Amino acid sequence: MMADEINFDGLVGPTHNYGGLSTGNLASMQNVGGVSNPRAAALQGIAKMRMMVRLGLRQGVLPPHDRVHIPTLRRFGFTGTDRAILQQAWRQTPRLVTNLASASAMWTANAATVSPGADTADRRVHFTPASLAAKFHRAIEPQFTGRVLKCMFREPNHFVHHDPVPVGGRMGDEGAANHGRLAARHGQPGVQIFVYGQSAFTQGQGGQFDARQSLEASQAIARQHQLDPQRVVFVQQSRQAVDAGAFHNDVVAVTNGGVLLFHEQAFEDPEGAIDQITAACERIGVGPQFLKVSQNVVSLADAVKSYLFNSQLLSMDDGSMTLVLPVDASENATVKGWVDECLAADNPVRDAHYLDLKQSMRNGGGPACLRLRVVLDGDQQGSMGGNCLVDEALCDRLSAWVERHYREQLSPEELGDPKLLEESRAALDELTQILNLGALYEFQRTT
């Protein structure tokens, strides 16, 4: 069946800031306390969506979460008006406010894991919001993420929505950032690759940073999504990659069509991973192509710093593939050299586009972090709710909306400013009208 892969990008929220909340994410740790530019960040994200539209690709958008998240502050015992609660919390525990002001939901690769109908037993698209239990500022996201997905993909004949995997200890699920799929075409049956960092029931591996994705969470999603076990592969990410700052697998590997592009040190057992993936692909008649980047060509450190593998690998109408990379990759001579050689080699990758996403990159999120891939056939697309499929006109409206509502600069000290909360909510209230999503936010339902 004919189907499109639609990349749903997260709009950067009005509270985009450098809180340094993500241990194991080198960029986040290095830029803590810096002055951010929410307006530029959001416009850079919209520019990426606009470029995808101009390439002839299907593009969608997901709204930001409400931040600072006052309902969570209420659960911490603060009372009074929303304004008073924020002021009290900022005086008493500013670090808590910083966590609840994070705009991290912009990285929708962590929003959920999605399986297309071509792979599921009931032929419906399955969604499981990520629990994101490893980091407190992200662990508050799943409830609203689920609400958004149910609002947009609401027709039960086409879509199934699951609860996040239960959490506790090392039982973590970080969404599609640790998930890939190989198929001859997007609408045909594929092999789903789940990459995990460790088992939830074993002792830690003793590395510098914690692995966030558990094997058991990945297995649970595969079961919930009714996937054929013969077309599912579970692969362990290497400890080297985690400790180098590859907190998610999409920092060291990316899939598209029948291609897996990965760093030599991405997986704990790379030869075993290739053998498993090859065997699963052969069962459905797909000949996988493995584009391995050797350590002696691009070091793991350069791969993480440049976000070479956090690119989007996209199928074009002529059968070729295009890479969408952060401009940071072009500024690294070694990485740029590899990309140039790749484009000239005998493989499907024929073009590359470099985008300025530096506001996101300074918090550790590149092009692939900003998107959630959803494969939909025509009927499924036709049943979608809201106005969340992007064209040039919607890009124009969103850009104008950002210009009206977003601050040009934001320092960490401003996160406790009640005016920022009011500005953010005014922006989100207007956005739900632009995207035709109704009373999506809690503050819209209680005021």
Protein backbone atom coordinates (compact mmCIF):
# COMPACT_ATOMS: atom_id res chain seq x y z
CA MET A 1 0.00 0.00 0.00
CA MET A 2 1.17 3.49 -0.79
CA ALA A 3 2.13 5.47 2.29
CA ASP A 4 4.13 8.54 3.24
CA GLU A 5 6.61 9.01 6.01
CA ILE A 6 5.68 12.26 7.73
CA ASN A 7 8.22 13.91 10.00
CA PHE A 8 6.41 15.63 12.87
CA ASP A 9 8.75 18.28 14.26
CA GLY A 10 8.32 19.77 17.70
CA LEU A 11 7.91 23.53 17.84
CA VAL A 12 10.48 25.04 20.19
CA GLY A 13 8.68 26.44 23.22
CA PRO A 14 8.85 30.04 24.52
CA THR A 15 10.93 28.97 27.56
CA HIS A 16 13.81 27.50 25.53
CA ASN A 17 16.79 27.85 27.88
CA TYR A 18 20.13 26.31 28.80
CA GLY A 19 19.42 24.64 32.12
CA GLY A 20 22.10 21.95 31.80
CA LEU A 21 19.62 19.32 33.00
CA SER A 22 20.68 16.36 30.86
CA THR A 23 23.66 14.51 32.33
CA GLY A 24 25.28 12.45 29.59
CA ASN A 25 24.40 15.02 26.93
CA LEU A 26 27.68 16.85 26.46
CA ALA A 27 26.26 19.94 24.77
CA SER A 28 23.65 20.38 27.47
CA MET A 29 26.28 20.06 30.19
CA GLN A 30 28.73 22.44 28.52
CA ASN A 31 26.26 25.26 27.84
CA VAL A 32 24.53 25.38 31.22
CA GLY A 33 23.69 28.90 32.34
CA GLY A 34 24.05 30.54 28.93
CA VAL A 35 21.64 33.11 27.54
CA SER A 36 19.31 31.48 25.02
CA ASN A 37 17.37 32.94 22.11
CA PRO A 38 13.90 31.37 22.08
CA ARG A 39 12.78 33.35 19.03
CA ALA A 40 15.76 32.27 16.94
CA ALA A 41 15.41 28.68 18.15
CA ALA A 42 11.77 28.46 17.08
CA LEU A 43 12.44 30.16 13.74
CA GLN A 44 15.33 27.80 13.04
CA GLY A 45 13.00 24.86 13.63
CA ILE A 46 10.34 26.32 11.34
CA ALA A 47 12.99 26.93 8.67
CA LYS A 48 13.82 23.22 8.80
CA MET A 49 10.17 22.32 8.31
CA ARG A 50 9.93 24.77 5.42
CA MET A 51 12.93 23.21 3.72
CA MET A 52 11.34 19.75 4.01
CA VAL A 53 8.20 21.07 2.32
CA ARG A 54 10.28 22.58 -0.48
CA LEU A 55 12.03 19.24 -0.97
CA GLY A 56 8.60 17.76 -1.70
CA LEU A 57 8.42 15.77 1.54
CA ARG A 58 5.48 15.45 3.92
CA GLN A 59 5.95 17.43 7.12
CA GLY A 60 3.98 17.80 10.32
CA VAL A 61 4.25 19.83 13.50
CA LEU A 62 3.67 19.11 17.20
CA PRO A 63 2.91 21.89 19.72
CA PRO A 64 5.17 22.76 22.68
CA HIS A 65 4.30 21.72 26.21
CA ASP A 66 3.09 24.28 28.76
CA ARG A 67 6.08 25.55 30.75
CA VAL A 68 6.70 26.47 33.56
CA HIS A 69 4.46 23.51 34.47
CA ILE A 70 2.38 24.86 37.36
CA PRO A 71 0.35 21.64 37.94
CA THR A 72 3.58 19.88 38.91
CA LEU A 73 4.49 22.70 41.30
CA ARG A 74 1.08 22.21 42.93
CA ARG A 75 1.95 18.56 43.44
CA PHE A 76 5.07 19.74 45.27
CA GLY A 77 2.88 21.54 47.80
CA PHE A 78 2.79 25.09 46.47
CA THR A 79 -0.59 26.78 46.69
CA GLY A 80 -2.31 29.96 45.56
CA THR A 81 -2.67 31.55 42.16
CA ASP A 82 -0.41 30.35 39.36
CA ARG A 83 1.53 33.58 39.60
CA ALA A 84 1.99 33.24 43.36
CA ILE A 85 2.99 29.59 43.04
CA LEU A 86 5.73 30.43 40.55
CA GLN A 87 7.07 33.24 42.73
CA GLN A 88 7.12 31.04 45.85
CA ALA A 89 8.80 28.17 44.04
CA TRP A 90 11.43 30.44 42.52
CA ARG A 91 12.33 31.82 45.94
CA GLN A 92 12.42 28.44 47.67
CA THR A 93 13.69 25.97 45.05
CA PRO A 94 14.78 27.62 41.80
CA ARG A 95 16.32 24.41 40.47
CA LEU A 96 12.89 22.79 40.54
CA VAL A 97 11.50 25.68 38.50
CA THR A 98 14.36 25.31 36.02
CA ASN A 99 13.38 21.67 35.50
CA LEU A 100 9.73 22.59 35.02
CA ALA A 101 10.64 25.35 32.56
CA SER A 102 12.55 23.09 30.18
CA ALA A 103 11.51 23.20 26.53
CA SER A 104 12.88 19.68 26.01
CA ALA A 105 9.63 18.41 24.46
CA MET A 106 10.84 20.11 21.27
CA TRP A 107 12.87 16.93 20.67
CA THR A 108 9.99 14.80 19.49
CA ALA A 109 12.21 11.85 18.61
CA ASN A 110 11.73 11.16 22.32
CA ALA A 111 7.97 11.73 22.28
CA ALA A 112 6.96 8.17 21.43
CA THR A 113 7.69 5.00 19.53
CA VAL A 114 5.50 4.56 16.46
CA SER A 115 4.85 1.41 14.42
CA PRO A 116 3.16 1.69 11.02
CA GLY A 117 0.20 -0.46 10.03
CA ALA A 118 2.35 -2.40 7.59
CA ASP A 119 4.14 -3.98 10.57
CA THR A 120 1.34 -4.50 13.10
CA ALA A 121 -0.98 -7.51 13.34
CA ASP A 122 -4.13 -5.38 13.29
CA ARG A 123 -2.84 -3.12 10.48
CA ARG A 124 -3.32 -0.01 12.61
CA VAL A 125 -0.66 2.57 13.56
CA HIS A 126 0.45 2.07 17.17
CA PHE A 127 1.79 4.81 19.47
CA THR A 128 3.50 4.42 22.85
CA PRO A 129 4.54 7.68 24.54
CA ALA A 130 8.03 7.46 26.01
CA SER A 131 8.27 7.37 29.80
CA LEU A 132 11.50 9.44 29.82
CA ALA A 133 12.04 8.39 33.43
CA ALA A 134 15.81 8.95 33.34
CA LYS A 135 15.50 12.75 33.69
CA PHE A 136 12.96 14.51 35.89
CA HIS A 137 12.44 17.44 33.53
CA ARG A 138 11.39 15.00 30.81
CA ALA A 139 9.52 12.54 33.01
CA ILE A 140 6.65 15.05 33.27
CA GLU A 141 6.09 14.95 29.49
CA PRO A 142 4.31 11.63 28.72
CA GLN A 143 0.80 12.58 29.84
CA PHE A 144 0.60 15.66 27.63
CA THR A 145 2.38 13.88 24.77
CA GLY A 146 -0.27 11.17 24.87
CA ARG A 147 -3.02 13.81 24.87
CA VAL A 148 -1.56 15.50 21.79
CA LEU A 149 -1.16 12.23 19.89
CA LYS A 150 -4.71 11.16 20.70
CA CYS A 151 -6.00 14.55 19.56
CA MET A 152 -4.18 14.34 16.24
CA PHE A 153 -4.53 10.60 15.58
CA ARG A 154 -7.99 10.06 16.97
CA GLU A 155 -9.73 7.57 14.65
CA PRO A 156 -9.73 4.15 16.42
CA ASN A 157 -10.11 2.26 13.16
CA HIS A 158 -6.68 3.55 12.15
CA PHE A 159 -4.77 4.32 15.37
CA VAL A 160 -4.01 2.62 18.69
CA HIS A 161 -2.65 4.50 21.71
CA HIS A 162 -0.86 2.70 24.53
CA ASP A 163 0.17 3.86 27.98
CA PRO A 164 3.88 4.47 28.58
CA VAL A 165 5.88 1.49 29.79
CA PRO A 166 5.87 1.30 33.63
CA VAL A 167 8.88 2.95 35.26
CA GLY A 168 11.12 2.36 38.23
CA GLY A 169 14.82 1.80 38.71
CA ARG A 170 16.44 1.34 35.32
CA MET A 171 13.16 0.63 33.49
CA GLY A 172 13.42 3.50 31.02
CA ASP A 173 12.00 4.16 27.57
CA GLU A 174 13.30 7.12 25.56
CA GLY A 175 11.13 6.74 22.46
CA ALA A 176 12.00 6.70 18.78
CA ALA A 177 15.50 8.07 19.41
CA ASN A 178 16.42 4.42 20.10
CA HIS A 179 14.30 2.89 17.36
CA GLY A 180 14.81 2.41 13.63
CA ARG A 181 13.06 0.68 10.76
CA LEU A 182 14.25 -0.86 7.51
CA ALA A 183 11.85 -1.49 4.61
CA ALA A 184 11.93 -1.46 0.83
CA ARG A 185 9.33 1.35 0.92
CA HIS A 186 7.67 3.14 3.80
CA GLY A 187 4.29 1.50 3.24
CA GLN A 188 5.65 -2.04 2.96
CA PRO A 189 6.43 -4.46 5.83
CA GLY A 190 9.67 -3.66 7.57
CA VAL A 191 12.14 -4.74 10.22
CA GLN A 192 12.04 -2.77 13.44
CA ILE A 193 15.32 -2.24 15.29
CA PHE A 194 15.18 -1.48 19.01
CA VAL A 195 18.46 -0.28 20.51
CA TYR A 196 18.85 -0.54 24.28
CA GLY A 197 21.56 0.48 26.71
CA GLN A 198 21.15 -2.18 29.37
CA SER A 199 18.73 -4.59 30.99
CA ALA A 200 16.67 -3.03 33.75
CA PHE A 201 17.47 -6.02 35.97
CA THR A 202 21.26 -6.09 35.81
CA GLN A 203 23.80 -4.06 37.69
CA GLY A 204 24.97 -0.85 36.03
CA GLN A 205 27.78 -1.17 33.56
CA GLY A 206 30.05 1.10 35.57
CA GLY A 207 30.49 3.73 32.88
CA GLN A 208 30.68 7.49 33.13
CA PHE A 209 27.03 8.03 32.17
CA ASP A 210 23.88 5.98 32.70
CA ALA A 211 22.32 4.13 29.78
CA ARG A 212 18.73 5.33 29.47
CA GLN A 213 16.93 2.74 27.35
CA SER A 214 16.17 -0.65 28.89
CA LEU A 215 15.85 -3.89 26.97
CA GLU A 216 12.63 -4.77 28.79
CA ALA A 217 10.95 -1.49 27.84
CA SER A 218 11.82 -2.09 24.18
CA GLN A 219 10.47 -5.63 24.37
CA ALA A 220 7.24 -4.36 25.95
CA ILE A 221 6.68 -1.90 23.11
CA ALA A 222 7.23 -4.59 20.50
CA ARG A 223 4.59 -6.73 22.21
CA GLN A 224 2.13 -3.86 22.62
CA HIS A 225 2.48 -2.94 18.97
CA GLN A 226 1.71 -6.50 17.87
CA LEU A 227 4.95 -6.82 15.90
CA ASP A 228 6.03 -10.07 14.28
CA PRO A 229 8.94 -11.37 16.42
CA GLN A 230 10.64 -12.56 13.23
CA ARG A 231 10.88 -8.94 12.07
CA VAL A 232 12.08 -7.38 15.31
CA VAL A 233 15.73 -7.02 16.35
CA PHE A 234 17.05 -5.93 19.75
CA VAL A 235 20.57 -4.53 19.65
CA GLN A 236 22.67 -3.18 22.51
CA GLN A 237 24.30 0.22 22.21
CA SER A 238 27.97 0.25 23.08
CA ARG A 239 29.20 1.48 26.43
CA GLN A 240 31.82 3.49 24.51
CA ALA A 241 29.09 5.39 22.69
CA VAL A 242 27.13 6.15 25.87
CA ASP A 243 30.21 7.44 27.66
CA ALA A 244 31.18 9.53 24.62
CA GLY A 245 27.89 11.42 24.92
CA ALA A 246 25.62 9.29 22.71
CA PHE A 247 22.81 9.33 25.25
CA HIS A 248 20.44 8.05 22.55
CA ASN A 249 21.22 5.78 19.62
CA ASP A 250 20.24 8.47 17.10
CA VAL A 251 23.49 10.23 17.99
CA VAL A 252 25.47 7.35 16.41
CA ALA A 253 23.08 5.71 13.91
CA VAL A 254 20.17 6.47 11.58
CA THR A 255 17.97 4.31 9.33
CA ASN A 256 15.89 4.96 6.24
CA GLY A 257 14.49 2.66 3.58
CA GLY A 258 16.90 -0.26 3.48
CA VAL A 259 19.89 1.76 4.70
CA LEU A 260 21.51 1.74 8.15
CA LEU A 261 24.10 4.50 8.52
CA PHE A 262 26.09 4.00 11.71
CA HIS A 263 29.37 4.62 13.48
CA GLU A 264 31.71 1.68 13.90
CA GLN A 265 31.43 1.99 17.69
CA ALA A 266 27.65 2.44 17.83
CA PHE A 267 26.83 -1.11 18.94
CA GLU A 268 28.23 -3.40 21.61
CA ASP A 269 28.48 -6.27 19.10
CA PRO A 270 28.43 -4.65 15.64
CA GLU A 271 28.98 -7.87 13.69
CA GLY A 272 26.25 -9.62 15.64
CA ALA A 273 23.90 -6.69 15.11
CA ILE A 274 24.48 -6.73 11.36
CA ASP A 275 23.90 -10.49 11.23
CA GLN A 276 20.60 -10.20 13.14
CA ILE A 277 19.35 -7.31 11.02
CA THR A 278 20.35 -9.03 7.78
CA ALA A 279 18.56 -12.24 8.73
CA ALA A 280 15.38 -10.36 9.67
CA CYS A 281 15.47 -8.35 6.44
CA GLU A 282 15.94 -11.47 4.34
CA ARG A 283 12.69 -12.88 5.73
CA ILE A 284 10.77 -10.07 3.99
CA GLY A 285 12.93 -9.84 0.89
CA VAL A 286 14.72 -6.60 1.83
CA GLY A 287 18.41 -6.32 1.02
CA PRO A 288 19.81 -4.05 3.74
CA GLN A 289 22.66 -1.66 3.00
CA PHE A 290 25.09 -0.91 5.80
CA LEU A 291 27.02 2.35 5.63
CA LYS A 292 29.60 2.02 8.39
CA VAL A 293 31.75 5.00 9.33
CA SER A 294 35.06 3.80 10.75
CA GLN A 295 36.62 5.23 13.88
CA ASN A 296 39.81 6.00 11.98
CA VAL A 297 37.81 8.10 9.49
CA VAL A 298 35.46 9.94 11.86
CA SER A 299 36.22 9.55 15.54
CA LEU A 300 33.40 8.87 17.97
CA ALA A 301 34.17 12.23 19.60
CA ASP A 302 33.78 14.07 16.27
CA ALA A 303 30.60 12.15 15.50
CA VAL A 304 29.05 13.20 18.80
CA LYS A 305 30.24 16.81 18.61
CA SER A 306 29.08 17.32 15.02
CA TYR A 307 25.90 15.21 15.26
CA LEU A 308 26.72 13.59 11.94
CA PHE A 309 24.42 10.66 12.70
CA ASN A 310 21.69 12.82 14.17
CA SER A 311 20.90 13.78 10.62
CA GLN A 312 17.67 13.00 8.84
CA LEU A 313 18.08 10.40 6.10
CA LEU A 314 15.19 10.87 3.69
CA SER A 315 13.77 9.11 0.64
CA MET A 316 13.23 11.26 -2.43
CA ASP A 317 10.80 10.70 -5.30
CA ASP A 318 13.57 9.63 -7.68
CA GLY A 319 14.63 6.78 -5.38
CA SER A 320 17.70 8.55 -4.01
CA MET A 321 18.25 9.64 -0.42
CA THR A 322 19.11 13.01 1.08
CA LEU A 323 20.90 13.84 4.31
CA VAL A 324 19.74 16.80 6.40
CA LEU A 325 22.53 17.72 8.81
CA PRO A 326 23.30 20.47 11.30
CA VAL A 327 25.64 23.14 9.98
CA ASP A 328 28.00 22.02 12.75
CA ALA A 329 28.77 18.94 10.64
CA SER A 330 30.02 21.14 7.79
CA GLU A 331 32.27 23.02 10.22
CA ASN A 332 34.16 19.85 11.12
CA ALA A 333 36.63 19.17 8.29
CA THR A 334 36.79 15.43 8.97
CA VAL A 335 33.03 15.03 9.07
CA LYS A 336 32.47 17.24 6.03
CA GLY A 337 35.08 15.22 4.16
CA TRP A 338 33.26 11.99 4.93
CA VAL A 339 29.92 13.44 3.79
CA ASP A 340 31.47 14.59 0.50
CA GLU A 341 32.95 11.13 -0.08
CA CYS A 342 29.63 9.49 0.77
CA LEU A 343 27.78 11.60 -1.80
CA ALA A 344 30.29 10.58 -4.47
CA ALA A 345 30.24 6.87 -3.60
CA ASP A 346 28.05 4.08 -4.93
CA ASN A 347 25.15 4.25 -2.46
CA PRO A 348 21.65 5.78 -2.39
CA VAL A 349 22.72 9.00 -0.61
CA ARG A 350 22.97 11.64 -3.32
CA ASP A 351 22.46 15.02 -1.64
CA ALA A 352 23.08 16.83 1.64
CA HIS A 353 21.61 19.96 3.20
CA TYR A 354 23.16 21.75 6.18
CA LEU A 355 20.87 23.73 8.47
CA ASP A 356 21.54 26.25 11.21
CA LEU A 357 20.03 24.66 14.31
CA LYS A 358 22.56 26.02 16.73
CA GLN A 359 20.03 27.00 19.40
CA SER A 360 18.87 23.39 19.61
CA MET A 361 22.38 22.01 19.17
CA ARG A 362 23.65 23.93 22.20
CA ASN A 363 21.24 21.86 24.26
CA GLY A 364 22.22 18.64 22.49
CA GLY A 365 19.49 18.25 19.88
CA GLY A 366 20.11 18.00 16.14
CA PRO A 367 17.82 17.50 13.12
CA ALA A 368 16.80 13.94 14.00
CA CYS A 369 16.05 14.90 17.62
CA LEU A 370 13.48 17.41 16.40
CA ARG A 371 11.34 14.94 14.47
CA LEU A 372 9.02 11.98 15.11
CA ARG A 373 8.60 9.76 12.06
CA VAL A 374 5.05 8.53 11.38
CA VAL A 375 4.21 6.41 8.33
CA LEU A 376 0.60 6.91 7.20
CA ASP A 377 -1.40 5.73 4.21
CA GLY A 378 -3.95 7.98 2.52
CA ASP A 379 -6.92 6.93 4.65
CA GLN A 380 -4.92 7.41 7.85
CA GLN A 381 -3.80 10.86 6.76
CA GLY A 382 -7.36 11.79 5.87
CA SER A 383 -8.60 10.86 9.35
CA MET A 384 -6.14 13.07 11.22
CA GLY A 385 -7.41 15.75 13.56
CA GLY A 386 -6.15 19.31 13.77
CA ASN A 387 -4.27 21.39 11.26
CA CYS A 388 -0.84 19.87 11.85
CA LEU A 389 0.34 19.02 8.34
CA VAL A 390 2.72 21.73 7.23
CA ASP A 391 2.79 23.75 4.02
CA GLU A 392 4.36 27.09 3.14
CA ALA A 393 1.31 29.00 4.35
CA LEU A 394 1.39 27.33 7.77
CA CYS A 395 5.14 28.02 8.02
CA ASP A 396 4.38 31.69 7.40
CA ARG A 397 1.69 31.73 10.10
CA LEU A 398 3.92 29.97 12.60
CA SER A 399 6.83 32.31 11.91
CA ALA A 400 4.61 35.35 12.44
CA TRP A 401 3.26 33.79 15.63
CA VAL A 402 6.80 33.32 16.96
CA GLU A 403 7.73 36.91 16.11
CA ARG A 404 4.70 38.15 18.08
CA HIS A 405 5.16 36.08 21.21
CA TYR A 406 8.74 34.89 21.76
CA ARG A 407 11.47 36.73 23.60
CA GLU A 408 14.63 37.45 21.70
CA GLN A 409 16.79 36.48 24.67
CA LEU A 410 16.19 34.53 27.86
CA SER A 411 18.57 34.23 30.79
CA PRO A 412 18.23 31.55 33.49
CA GLU A 413 17.25 34.21 36.02
CA GLU A 414 14.11 35.05 34.02
CA LEU A 415 12.55 31.58 34.35
CA GLY A 416 10.87 32.64 37.60
CA ASP A 417 9.31 35.71 36.01
CA PRO A 418 5.48 35.44 36.08
CA LYS A 419 5.37 37.60 32.95
CA LEU A 420 7.19 34.83 31.06
CA LEU A 421 4.53 32.35 32.17
CA GLU A 422 1.78 34.70 31.00
CA GLU A 423 3.53 35.33 27.67
CA SER A 424 4.01 31.62 27.10
CA ARG A 425 0.40 30.79 27.81
CA ALA A 426 -0.84 33.56 25.53
CA ALA A 427 1.33 32.12 22.78
CA LEU A 428 0.11 28.56 23.32
CA ASP A 429 -3.51 29.64 23.48
CA GLU A 430 -3.19 31.26 20.06
CA LEU A 431 -1.27 28.29 18.71
CA THR A 432 -4.10 25.85 19.48
CA GLN A 433 -6.31 28.02 17.29
CA ILE A 434 -3.77 28.04 14.46
CA LEU A 435 -3.42 24.25 14.66
CA ASN A 436 -7.13 23.69 15.37
CA LEU A 437 -6.41 21.54 18.41
CA GLY A 438 -9.06 22.89 20.78
CA ALA A 439 -8.53 23.30 24.54
CA LEU A 440 -5.40 21.17 24.63
CA TYR A 441 -3.64 22.68 27.64
CA GLU A 442 -4.70 22.40 31.27
CA PHE A 443 -4.64 26.17 31.76
CA GLN A 444 -7.20 26.49 28.93
CA ARG A 445 -9.55 24.18 30.81
CA THR A 446 -9.29 25.84 34.22
CA THR A 447 -9.48 29.54 33.37
